Amino acid sequence: LVSRTDALILDLRGNGGGSPDGVALWSSYFLPAKPTHLNNIYD
């Protein structure tokens, strides 16, 4: 829906977090197609 806009505001002021997979998906839309190492999680 926002793909044809000239700029974008992403409002996370009320966001309490969620899934690392979801974070990776959101991040991917704003980064080049070449895979980018985003995060590591040690358990």
PDB file of all heavy atoms in Angstrom:
ATOM      1  N   LEU A   1       0.813  -1.218   0.000  1.00  0.00           N
ATOM      2  CA  LEU A   1       0.000   0.000   0.000  1.00  0.00           C
ATOM      3  C   LEU A   1       0.850   1.273   0.000  1.00  0.00           C
ATOM      4  O   LEU A   1       0.424   2.297  -0.529  1.00  0.00           O
ATOM      5  CB  LEU A   1      -0.941   0.003   1.212  1.00  0.00           C
ATOM      6  CG  LEU A   1      -2.094  -0.999   1.156  1.00  0.00           C
ATOM      7  CD1 LEU A   1      -2.836  -1.037   2.485  1.00  0.00           C
ATOM      8  CD2 LEU A   1      -3.060  -0.640   0.022  1.00  0.00           C
ATOM      9  N   VAL A   2       2.034   1.205   0.610  1.00  0.00           N
ATOM     10  CA  VAL A   2       2.876   2.408   0.668  1.00  0.00           C
ATOM     11  C   VAL A   2       4.018   2.359  -0.347  1.00  0.00           C
ATOM     12  O   VAL A   2       4.899   3.230  -0.332  1.00  0.00           O
ATOM     13  CB  VAL A   2       3.459   2.608   2.087  1.00  0.00           C
ATOM     14  CG1 VAL A   2       2.340   2.766   3.098  1.00  0.00           C
ATOM     15  CG2 VAL A   2       4.388   1.454   2.484  1.00  0.00           C
ATOM     16  N   SER A   3       4.005   1.398  -1.236  1.00  0.00           N
ATOM     17  CA  SER A   3       5.149   1.157  -2.121  1.00  0.00           C
ATOM     18  C   SER A   3       5.408   2.289  -3.105  1.00  0.00           C
ATOM     19  O   SER A   3       6.525   2.420  -3.617  1.00  0.00           O
ATOM     20  CB  SER A   3       4.955  -0.157  -2.885  1.00  0.00           C
ATOM     21  OG  SER A   3       3.812  -0.080  -3.738  1.00  0.00           O
ATOM     22  N   ARG A   4       4.415   3.120  -3.385  1.00  0.00           N
ATOM     23  CA  ARG A   4       4.578   4.204  -4.359  1.00  0.00           C
ATOM     24  C   ARG A   4       4.746   5.565  -3.686  1.00  0.00           C
ATOM     25  O   ARG A   4       4.667   6.591  -4.349  1.00  0.00           O
ATOM     26  CB  ARG A   4       3.387   4.239  -5.322  1.00  0.00           C
ATOM     27  CG  ARG A   4       3.261   3.003  -6.197  1.00  0.00           C
ATOM     28  CD  ARG A   4       4.414   2.933  -7.205  1.00  0.00           C
ATOM     29  NE  ARG A   4       4.280   1.806  -8.106  1.00  0.00           N
ATOM     30  CZ  ARG A   4       4.828   0.615  -7.914  1.00  0.00           C
ATOM     31  NH1 ARG A   4       5.563   0.406  -6.825  1.00  0.00           N
ATOM     32  NH2 ARG A   4       4.664  -0.360  -8.777  1.00  0.00           N
ATOM     33  N   THR A   5       4.975   5.596  -2.414  1.00  0.00           N
ATOM     34  CA  THR A   5       5.167   6.867  -1.719  1.00  0.00           C
ATOM     35  C   THR A   5       6.613   7.352  -1.881  1.00  0.00           C
ATOM     36  O   THR A   5       7.504   6.592  -2.239  1.00  0.00           O
ATOM     37  CB  THR A   5       4.833   6.744  -0.226  1.00  0.00           C
ATOM     38  OG1 THR A   5       5.648   5.709   0.356  1.00  0.00           O
ATOM     39  CG2 THR A   5       3.361   6.392  -0.035  1.00  0.00           C
ATOM     40  N   ASP A   6       6.811   8.655  -1.603  1.00  0.00           N
ATOM     41  CA  ASP A   6       8.145   9.250  -1.734  1.00  0.00           C
ATOM     42  C   ASP A   6       8.957   9.154  -0.457  1.00  0.00           C
ATOM     43  O   ASP A   6      10.170   9.382  -0.462  1.00  0.00           O
ATOM     44  CB  ASP A   6       8.017  10.729  -2.135  1.00  0.00           C
ATOM     45  CG  ASP A   6       7.398  10.896  -3.518  1.00  0.00           C
ATOM     46  OD1 ASP A   6       7.715  10.090  -4.411  1.00  0.00           O
ATOM     47  OD2 ASP A   6       6.592  11.833  -3.702  1.00  0.00           O
ATOM     48  N   ALA A   7       8.313   8.861   0.651  1.00  0.00           N
ATOM     49  CA  ALA A   7       8.976   8.711   1.941  1.00  0.00           C
ATOM     50  C   ALA A   7       8.038   7.934   2.849  1.00  0.00           C
ATOM     51  O   ALA A   7       6.834   7.819   2.577  1.00  0.00           O
ATOM     52  CB  ALA A   7       9.322  10.063   2.550  1.00  0.00           C
ATOM     53  N   LEU A   8       8.589   7.406   3.950  1.00  0.00           N
ATOM     54  CA  LEU A   8       7.778   6.552   4.824  1.00  0.00           C
ATOM     55  C   LEU A   8       8.086   6.846   6.288  1.00  0.00           C
ATOM     56  O   LEU A   8       9.251   7.008   6.667  1.00  0.00           O
ATOM     57  CB  LEU A   8       8.069   5.079   4.531  1.00  0.00           C
ATOM     58  CG  LEU A   8       7.314   4.039   5.371  1.00  0.00           C
ATOM     59  CD1 LEU A   8       5.818   4.147   5.153  1.00  0.00           C
ATOM     60  CD2 LEU A   8       7.810   2.630   5.027  1.00  0.00           C
ATOM     61  N   ILE A   9       7.021   6.920   7.092  1.00  0.00           N
ATOM     62  CA  ILE A   9       7.140   7.017   8.542  1.00  0.00           C
ATOM     63  C   ILE A   9       6.677   5.691   9.134  1.00  0.00           C
ATOM     64  O   ILE A   9       5.533   5.282   8.943  1.00  0.00           O
ATOM     65  CB  ILE A   9       6.286   8.163   9.101  1.00  0.00           C
ATOM     66  CG1 ILE A   9       6.777   9.509   8.560  1.00  0.00           C
ATOM     67  CG2 ILE A   9       6.325   8.168  10.632  1.00  0.00           C
ATOM     68  CD1 ILE A   9       5.890  10.680   8.939  1.00  0.00           C
ATOM     69  N   LEU A  10       7.565   5.019   9.853  1.00  0.00           N
ATOM     70  CA  LEU A  10       7.259   3.760  10.530  1.00  0.00           C
ATOM     71  C   LEU A  10       7.130   4.059  12.020  1.00  0.00           C
ATOM     72  O   LEU A  10       8.124   4.382  12.678  1.00  0.00           O
ATOM     73  CB  LEU A  10       8.364   2.741  10.261  1.00  0.00           C
ATOM     74  CG  LEU A  10       8.228   1.368  10.910  1.00  0.00           C
ATOM     75  CD1 LEU A  10       6.970   0.657  10.421  1.00  0.00           C
ATOM     76  CD2 LEU A  10       9.471   0.513  10.609  1.00  0.00           C
ATOM     77  N   ASP A  11       5.935   3.967  12.526  1.00  0.00           N
ATOM     78  CA  ASP A  11       5.652   4.361  13.908  1.00  0.00           C
ATOM     79  C   ASP A  11       5.724   3.141  14.826  1.00  0.00           C
ATOM     80  O   ASP A  11       4.861   2.273  14.802  1.00  0.00           O
ATOM     81  CB  ASP A  11       4.269   4.999  13.981  1.00  0.00           C
ATOM     82  CG  ASP A  11       4.011   5.701  15.302  1.00  0.00           C
ATOM     83  OD1 ASP A  11       4.748   5.443  16.264  1.00  0.00           O
ATOM     84  OD2 ASP A  11       3.055   6.505  15.361  1.00  0.00           O
ATOM     85  N   LEU A  12       6.773   3.099  15.661  1.00  0.00           N
ATOM     86  CA  LEU A  12       6.955   1.998  16.612  1.00  0.00           C
ATOM     87  C   LEU A  12       6.809   2.484  18.051  1.00  0.00           C
ATOM     88  O   LEU A  12       7.230   1.792  18.983  1.00  0.00           O
ATOM     89  CB  LEU A  12       8.339   1.357  16.416  1.00  0.00           C
ATOM     90  CG  LEU A  12       8.637   0.772  15.037  1.00  0.00           C
ATOM     91  CD1 LEU A  12      10.041   0.172  15.017  1.00  0.00           C
ATOM     92  CD2 LEU A  12       7.603  -0.264  14.632  1.00  0.00           C
ATOM     93  N   ARG A  13       6.187   3.625  18.262  1.00  0.00           N
ATOM     94  CA  ARG A  13       6.099   4.195  19.607  1.00  0.00           C
ATOM     95  C   ARG A  13       5.300   3.315  20.554  1.00  0.00           C
ATOM     96  O   ARG A  13       5.557   3.303  21.759  1.00  0.00           O
ATOM     97  CB  ARG A  13       5.488   5.592  19.550  1.00  0.00           C
ATOM     98  CG  ARG A  13       6.393   6.647  18.944  1.00  0.00           C
ATOM     99  CD  ARG A  13       5.704   7.983  18.817  1.00  0.00           C
ATOM    100  NE  ARG A  13       4.603   7.930  17.858  1.00  0.00           N
ATOM    101  CZ  ARG A  13       3.793   8.957  17.592  1.00  0.00           C
ATOM    102  NH1 ARG A  13       3.965  10.115  18.230  1.00  0.00           N
ATOM    103  NH2 ARG A  13       2.828   8.829  16.698  1.00  0.00           N
ATOM    104  N   GLY A  14       4.329   2.577  20.054  1.00  0.00           N
ATOM    105  CA  GLY A  14       3.528   1.717  20.906  1.00  0.00           C
ATOM    106  C   GLY A  14       3.800   0.243  20.704  1.00  0.00           C
ATOM    107  O   GLY A  14       2.978  -0.603  21.066  1.00  0.00           O
ATOM    108  N   ASN A  15       4.959  -0.081  20.151  1.00  0.00           N
ATOM    109  CA  ASN A  15       5.255  -1.470  19.785  1.00  0.00           C
ATOM    110  C   ASN A  15       6.027  -2.160  20.907  1.00  0.00           C
ATOM    111  O   ASN A  15       7.129  -1.750  21.264  1.00  0.00           O
ATOM    112  CB  ASN A  15       6.067  -1.506  18.486  1.00  0.00           C
ATOM    113  CG  ASN A  15       6.096  -2.885  17.864  1.00  0.00           C
ATOM    114  OD1 ASN A  15       6.481  -3.855  18.489  1.00  0.00           O
ATOM    115  ND2 ASN A  15       5.688  -2.959  16.608  1.00  0.00           N
ATOM    116  N   GLY A  16       5.452  -3.249  21.432  1.00  0.00           N
ATOM    117  CA  GLY A  16       6.055  -3.986  22.525  1.00  0.00           C
ATOM    118  C   GLY A  16       6.913  -5.159  22.110  1.00  0.00           C
ATOM    119  O   GLY A  16       7.342  -5.940  22.954  1.00  0.00           O
ATOM    120  N   GLY A  17       7.183  -5.305  20.813  1.00  0.00           N
ATOM    121  CA  GLY A  17       8.075  -6.370  20.364  1.00  0.00           C
ATOM    122  C   GLY A  17       7.353  -7.507  19.680  1.00  0.00           C
ATOM    123  O   GLY A  17       6.223  -7.363  19.205  1.00  0.00           O
ATOM    124  N   GLY A  18       8.016  -8.660  19.617  1.00  0.00           N
ATOM    125  CA  GLY A  18       7.419  -9.808  18.943  1.00  0.00           C
ATOM    126  C   GLY A  18       8.470 -10.771  18.436  1.00  0.00           C
ATOM    127  O   GLY A  18       9.477 -11.017  19.085  1.00  0.00           O
ATOM    128  N   SER A  19       8.254 -11.280  17.247  1.00  0.00           N
ATOM    129  CA  SER A  19       9.016 -12.399  16.703  1.00  0.00           C
ATOM    130  C   SER A  19      10.281 -11.960  15.971  1.00  0.00           C
ATOM    131  O   SER A  19      10.240 -11.049  15.138  1.00  0.00           O
ATOM    132  CB  SER A  19       8.125 -13.183  15.734  1.00  0.00           C
ATOM    133  OG  SER A  19       8.888 -14.056  14.941  1.00  0.00           O
ATOM    134  N   PRO A  20      11.410 -12.641  16.218  1.00  0.00           N
ATOM    135  CA  PRO A  20      12.634 -12.355  15.443  1.00  0.00           C
ATOM    136  C   PRO A  20      12.447 -12.589  13.946  1.00  0.00           C
ATOM    137  O   PRO A  20      13.026 -11.872  13.129  1.00  0.00           O
ATOM    138  CB  PRO A  20      13.662 -13.328  16.024  1.00  0.00           C
ATOM    139  CG  PRO A  20      13.155 -13.660  17.388  1.00  0.00           C
ATOM    140  CD  PRO A  20      11.660 -13.637  17.278  1.00  0.00           C
ATOM    141  N   ASP A  21      11.637 -13.582  13.571  1.00  0.00           N
ATOM    142  CA  ASP A  21      11.374 -13.813  12.154  1.00  0.00           C
ATOM    143  C   ASP A  21      10.628 -12.638  11.540  1.00  0.00           C
ATOM    144  O   ASP A  21      10.886 -12.250  10.401  1.00  0.00           O
ATOM    145  CB  ASP A  21      10.556 -15.098  11.967  1.00  0.00           C
ATOM    146  CG  ASP A  21      11.335 -16.349  12.330  1.00  0.00           C
ATOM    147  OD1 ASP A  21      12.539 -16.399  12.026  1.00  0.00           O
ATOM    148  OD2 ASP A  21      10.756 -17.257  12.934  1.00  0.00           O
ATOM    149  N   GLY A  22       9.687 -12.075  12.308  1.00  0.00           N
ATOM    150  CA  GLY A  22       8.969 -10.912  11.829  1.00  0.00           C
ATOM    151  C   GLY A  22       9.873  -9.701  11.685  1.00  0.00           C
ATOM    152  O   GLY A  22       9.752  -8.917  10.736  1.00  0.00           O
ATOM    153  N   VAL A  23      10.804  -9.544  12.630  1.00  0.00           N
ATOM    154  CA  VAL A  23      11.777  -8.455  12.535  1.00  0.00           C
ATOM    155  C   VAL A  23      12.597  -8.593  11.255  1.00  0.00           C
ATOM    156  O   VAL A  23      12.852  -7.618  10.540  1.00  0.00           O
ATOM    157  CB  VAL A  23      12.708  -8.439  13.765  1.00  0.00           C
ATOM    158  CG1 VAL A  23      13.804  -7.395  13.590  1.00  0.00           C
ATOM    159  CG2 VAL A  23      11.920  -8.162  15.035  1.00  0.00           C
ATOM    160  N   ALA A  24      13.014  -9.814  10.950  1.00  0.00           N
ATOM    161  CA  ALA A  24      13.799 -10.046   9.736  1.00  0.00           C
ATOM    162  C   ALA A  24      13.005  -9.703   8.482  1.00  0.00           C
ATOM    163  O   ALA A  24      13.550  -9.131   7.525  1.00  0.00           O
ATOM    164  CB  ALA A  24      14.265 -11.503   9.691  1.00  0.00           C
ATOM    165  N   LEU A  25      11.703 -10.022   8.485  1.00  0.00           N
ATOM    166  CA  LEU A  25      10.871  -9.711   7.322  1.00  0.00           C
ATOM    167  C   LEU A  25      10.718  -8.204   7.149  1.00  0.00           C
ATOM    168  O   LEU A  25      10.903  -7.666   6.053  1.00  0.00           O
ATOM    169  CB  LEU A  25       9.501 -10.379   7.468  1.00  0.00           C
ATOM    170  CG  LEU A  25       8.500 -10.125   6.330  1.00  0.00           C
ATOM    171  CD1 LEU A  25       9.091 -10.509   4.978  1.00  0.00           C
ATOM    172  CD2 LEU A  25       7.201 -10.881   6.586  1.00  0.00           C
ATOM    173  N   TRP A  26      10.402  -7.502   8.237  1.00  0.00           N
ATOM    174  CA  TRP A  26      10.298  -6.036   8.154  1.00  0.00           C
ATOM    175  C   TRP A  26      11.615  -5.435   7.687  1.00  0.00           C
ATOM    176  O   TRP A  26      11.637  -4.563   6.789  1.00  0.00           O
ATOM    177  CB  TRP A  26       9.925  -5.458   9.508  1.00  0.00           C
ATOM    178  CG  TRP A  26       8.472  -5.444   9.830  1.00  0.00           C
ATOM    179  CD1 TRP A  26       7.830  -6.193  10.780  1.00  0.00           C
ATOM    180  CD2 TRP A  26       7.457  -4.637   9.228  1.00  0.00           C
ATOM    181  NE1 TRP A  26       6.488  -5.908  10.799  1.00  0.00           N
ATOM    182  CE2 TRP A  26       6.230  -4.955   9.863  1.00  0.00           C
ATOM    183  CE3 TRP A  26       7.468  -3.681   8.215  1.00  0.00           C
ATOM    184  CZ2 TRP A  26       5.019  -4.335   9.513  1.00  0.00           C
ATOM    185  CZ3 TRP A  26       6.271  -3.064   7.858  1.00  0.00           C
ATOM    186  CH2 TRP A  26       5.060  -3.399   8.492  1.00  0.00           C
ATOM    187  N   SER A  27      12.723  -5.872   8.277  1.00  0.00           N
ATOM    188  CA  SER A  27      14.029  -5.316   7.920  1.00  0.00           C
ATOM    189  C   SER A  27      14.331  -5.521   6.440  1.00  0.00           C
ATOM    190  O   SER A  27      14.921  -4.645   5.783  1.00  0.00           O
ATOM    191  CB  SER A  27      15.129  -5.974   8.766  1.00  0.00           C
ATOM    192  OG  SER A  27      14.937  -5.753  10.146  1.00  0.00           O
ATOM    193  N   SER A  28      13.934  -6.663   5.907  1.00  0.00           N
ATOM    194  CA  SER A  28      14.245  -7.000   4.523  1.00  0.00           C
ATOM    195  C   SER A  28      13.654  -6.011   3.533  1.00  0.00           C
ATOM    196  O   SER A  28      14.244  -5.763   2.462  1.00  0.00           O
ATOM    197  CB  SER A  28      13.734  -8.416   4.202  1.00  0.00           C
ATOM    198  OG  SER A  28      14.353  -9.382   5.030  1.00  0.00           O
ATOM    199  N   TYR A  29      12.510  -5.438   3.857  1.00  0.00           N
ATOM    200  CA  TYR A  29      11.879  -4.489   2.939  1.00  0.00           C
ATOM    201  C   TYR A  29      12.689  -3.200   2.791  1.00  0.00           C
ATOM    202  O   TYR A  29      12.542  -2.487   1.790  1.00  0.00           O
ATOM    203  CB  TYR A  29      10.466  -4.162   3.408  1.00  0.00           C
ATOM    204  CG  TYR A  29       9.449  -5.136   2.871  1.00  0.00           C
ATOM    205  CD1 TYR A  29       9.012  -6.202   3.641  1.00  0.00           C
ATOM    206  CD2 TYR A  29       8.951  -5.018   1.572  1.00  0.00           C
ATOM    207  CE1 TYR A  29       8.094  -7.118   3.142  1.00  0.00           C
ATOM    208  CE2 TYR A  29       8.046  -5.924   1.064  1.00  0.00           C
ATOM    209  CZ  TYR A  29       7.618  -6.972   1.854  1.00  0.00           C
ATOM    210  OH  TYR A  29       6.717  -7.885   1.349  1.00  0.00           O
ATOM    211  N   PHE A  30      13.562  -2.915   3.748  1.00  0.00           N
ATOM    212  CA  PHE A  30      14.302  -1.655   3.719  1.00  0.00           C
ATOM    213  C   PHE A  30      15.779  -1.839   3.406  1.00  0.00           C
ATOM    214  O   PHE A  30      16.544  -0.881   3.449  1.00  0.00           O
ATOM    215  CB  PHE A  30      14.131  -0.950   5.066  1.00  0.00           C
ATOM    216  CG  PHE A  30      12.696  -0.749   5.452  1.00  0.00           C
ATOM    217  CD1 PHE A  30      12.159  -1.391   6.560  1.00  0.00           C
ATOM    218  CD2 PHE A  30      11.865   0.043   4.684  1.00  0.00           C
ATOM    219  CE1 PHE A  30      10.829  -1.224   6.903  1.00  0.00           C
ATOM    220  CE2 PHE A  30      10.529   0.219   5.016  1.00  0.00           C
ATOM    221  CZ  PHE A  30      10.004  -0.419   6.136  1.00  0.00           C
ATOM    222  N   LEU A  31      16.177  -3.067   3.081  1.00  0.00           N
ATOM    223  CA  LEU A  31      17.573  -3.376   2.787  1.00  0.00           C
ATOM    224  C   LEU A  31      17.687  -4.028   1.414  1.00  0.00           C
ATOM    225  O   LEU A  31      16.723  -4.612   0.917  1.00  0.00           O
ATOM    226  CB  LEU A  31      18.143  -4.304   3.861  1.00  0.00           C
ATOM    227  CG  LEU A  31      18.184  -3.733   5.286  1.00  0.00           C
ATOM    228  CD1 LEU A  31      18.580  -4.819   6.280  1.00  0.00           C
ATOM    229  CD2 LEU A  31      19.127  -2.552   5.374  1.00  0.00           C
ATOM    230  N   PRO A  32      18.856  -3.941   0.786  1.00  0.00           N
ATOM    231  CA  PRO A  32      19.032  -4.517  -0.556  1.00  0.00           C
ATOM    232  C   PRO A  32      18.770  -6.022  -0.575  1.00  0.00           C
ATOM    233  O   PRO A  32      18.737  -6.691   0.462  1.00  0.00           O
ATOM    234  CB  PRO A  32      20.496  -4.198  -0.880  1.00  0.00           C
ATOM    235  CG  PRO A  32      20.841  -3.033  -0.020  1.00  0.00           C
ATOM    236  CD  PRO A  32      20.050  -3.222   1.251  1.00  0.00           C
ATOM    237  N   ALA A  33      18.644  -6.550  -1.787  1.00  0.00           N
ATOM    238  CA  ALA A  33      18.309  -7.964  -1.952  1.00  0.00           C
ATOM    239  C   ALA A  33      19.413  -8.892  -1.445  1.00  0.00           C
ATOM    240  O   ALA A  33      19.131 -10.011  -1.017  1.00  0.00           O
ATOM    241  CB  ALA A  33      18.012  -8.254  -3.422  1.00  0.00           C
ATOM    242  N   LYS A  34      20.662  -8.444  -1.496  1.00  0.00           N
ATOM    243  CA  LYS A  34      21.739  -9.284  -0.990  1.00  0.00           C
ATOM    244  C   LYS A  34      21.528  -9.504   0.500  1.00  0.00           C
ATOM    245  O   LYS A  34      21.393  -8.556   1.263  1.00  0.00           O
ATOM    246  CB  LYS A  34      23.092  -8.611  -1.219  1.00  0.00           C
ATOM    247  CG  LYS A  34      24.264  -9.463  -0.762  1.00  0.00           C
ATOM    248  CD  LYS A  34      25.599  -8.759  -1.023  1.00  0.00           C
ATOM    249  CE  LYS A  34      26.759  -9.598  -0.523  1.00  0.00           C
ATOM    250  NZ  LYS A  34      28.071  -8.933  -0.773  1.00  0.00           N
ATOM    251  N   PRO A  35      21.487 -10.767   0.960  1.00  0.00           N
ATOM    252  CA  PRO A  35      21.201 -11.038   2.381  1.00  0.00           C
ATOM    253  C   PRO A  35      22.160 -10.306   3.322  1.00  0.00           C
ATOM    254  O   PRO A  35      23.367 -10.265   3.103  1.00  0.00           O
ATOM    255  CB  PRO A  35      21.368 -12.558   2.488  1.00  0.00           C
ATOM    256  CG  PRO A  35      21.043 -13.057   1.115  1.00  0.00           C
ATOM    257  CD  PRO A  35      21.598 -12.019   0.180  1.00  0.00           C
ATOM    258  N   THR A  36      21.587  -9.712   4.349  1.00  0.00           N
ATOM    259  CA  THR A  36      22.327  -8.961   5.356  1.00  0.00           C
ATOM    260  C   THR A  36      22.213  -9.675   6.690  1.00  0.00           C
ATOM    261  O   THR A  36      21.114 -10.041   7.117  1.00  0.00           O
ATOM    262  CB  THR A  36      21.753  -7.537   5.491  1.00  0.00           C
ATOM    263  OG1 THR A  36      21.895  -6.851   4.245  1.00  0.00           O
ATOM    264  CG2 THR A  36      22.472  -6.759   6.581  1.00  0.00           C
ATOM    265  N   HIS A  37      23.338  -9.856   7.369  1.00  0.00           N
ATOM    266  CA  HIS A  37      23.343 -10.481   8.688  1.00  0.00           C
ATOM    267  C   HIS A  37      22.782  -9.477   9.686  1.00  0.00           C
ATOM    268  O   HIS A  37      23.408  -8.455   9.977  1.00  0.00           O
ATOM    269  CB  HIS A  37      24.761 -10.899   9.056  1.00  0.00           C
ATOM    270  CG  HIS A  37      24.845 -11.701  10.308  1.00  0.00           C
ATOM    271  ND1 HIS A  37      26.050 -12.079  10.871  1.00  0.00           N
ATOM    272  CD2 HIS A  37      23.883 -12.235  11.127  1.00  0.00           C
ATOM    273  CE1 HIS A  37      25.837 -12.787  11.962  1.00  0.00           C
ATOM    274  NE2 HIS A  37      24.529 -12.885  12.145  1.00  0.00           N
ATOM    275  N   LEU A  38      21.607  -9.768  10.269  1.00  0.00           N
ATOM    276  CA  LEU A  38      20.898  -8.818  11.114  1.00  0.00           C
ATOM    277  C   LEU A  38      21.175  -8.991  12.598  1.00  0.00           C
ATOM    278  O   LEU A  38      21.403  -8.020  13.323  1.00  0.00           O
ATOM    279  CB  LEU A  38      19.385  -8.952  10.886  1.00  0.00           C
ATOM    280  CG  LEU A  38      18.880  -8.698   9.476  1.00  0.00           C
ATOM    281  CD1 LEU A  38      17.408  -9.075   9.378  1.00  0.00           C
ATOM    282  CD2 LEU A  38      19.102  -7.254   9.073  1.00  0.00           C
ATOM    283  N   ASN A  39      21.145 -10.237  13.067  1.00  0.00           N
ATOM    284  CA  ASN A  39      21.170 -10.459  14.513  1.00  0.00           C
ATOM    285  C   ASN A  39      21.572 -11.897  14.814  1.00  0.00           C
ATOM    286  O   ASN A  39      21.397 -12.790  13.979  1.00  0.00           O
ATOM    287  CB  ASN A  39      19.776 -10.181  15.101  1.00  0.00           C
ATOM    288  CG  ASN A  39      19.780 -10.084  16.611  1.00  0.00           C
ATOM    289  OD1 ASN A  39      20.762  -9.675  17.220  1.00  0.00           O
ATOM    290  ND2 ASN A  39      18.674 -10.452  17.224  1.00  0.00           N
ATOM    291  N   ASN A  40      22.141 -12.098  15.995  1.00  0.00           N
ATOM    292  CA  ASN A  40      22.380 -13.439  16.526  1.00  0.00           C
ATOM    293  C   ASN A  40      21.625 -13.565  17.842  1.00  0.00           C
ATOM    294  O   ASN A  40      21.519 -12.580  18.593  1.00  0.00           O
ATOM    295  CB  ASN A  40      23.864 -13.676  16.796  1.00  0.00           C
ATOM    296  CG  ASN A  40      24.701 -13.642  15.537  1.00  0.00           C
ATOM    297  OD1 ASN A  40      24.314 -14.192  14.511  1.00  0.00           O
ATOM    298  ND2 ASN A  40      25.848 -12.986  15.607  1.00  0.00           N
ATOM    299  N   ILE A  41      21.121 -14.740  18.142  1.00  0.00           N
ATOM    300  CA  ILE A  41      20.462 -14.996  19.421  1.00  0.00           C
ATOM    301  C   ILE A  41      21.096 -16.225  20.058  1.00  0.00           C
ATOM    302  O   ILE A  41      21.029 -17.331  19.513  1.00  0.00           O
ATOM    303  CB  ILE A  41      18.948 -15.194  19.259  1.00  0.00           C
ATOM    304  CG1 ILE A  41      18.302 -13.921  18.729  1.00  0.00           C
ATOM    305  CG2 ILE A  41      18.322 -15.586  20.597  1.00  0.00           C
ATOM    306  CD1 ILE A  41      16.806 -14.024  18.500  1.00  0.00           C
ATOM    307  N   TYR A  42      21.745 -16.002  21.207  1.00  0.00           N
ATOM    308  CA  TYR A  42      22.349 -17.101  21.960  1.00  0.00           C
ATOM    309  C   TYR A  42      21.353 -17.597  23.002  1.00  0.00           C
ATOM    310  O   TYR A  42      20.798 -16.813  23.772  1.00  0.00           O
ATOM    311  CB  TYR A  42      23.626 -16.646  22.664  1.00  0.00           C
ATOM    312  CG  TYR A  42      24.095 -17.657  23.688  1.00  0.00           C
ATOM    313  CD1 TYR A  42      24.718 -18.838  23.296  1.00  0.00           C
ATOM    314  CD2 TYR A  42      23.852 -17.455  25.048  1.00  0.00           C
ATOM    315  CE1 TYR A  42      25.118 -19.777  24.235  1.00  0.00           C
ATOM    316  CE2 TYR A  42      24.251 -18.389  25.997  1.00  0.00           C
ATOM    317  CZ  TYR A  42      24.878 -19.548  25.582  1.00  0.00           C
ATOM    318  OH  TYR A  42      25.252 -20.481  26.508  1.00  0.00           O
ATOM    319  N   ASP A  43      21.147 -18.912  23.045  1.00  0.00           N
ATOM    320  CA  ASP A  43      20.218 -19.532  23.971  1.00  0.00           C
ATOM    321  C   ASP A  43      20.996 -20.373  24.979  1.00  0.00           C
ATOM    322  O   ASP A  43      21.689 -21.323  24.595  1.00  0.00           O
ATOM    323  CB  ASP A  43      19.213 -20.407  23.213  1.00  0.00           C
ATOM    324  CG  ASP A  43      18.037 -20.831  24.065  1.00  0.00           C
ATOM    325  OD1 ASP A  43      18.257 -21.181  25.248  1.00  0.00           O
ATOM    326  OD2 ASP A  43      16.910 -20.816  23.567  1.00  0.00           O
TER     327      ASP A  43
END
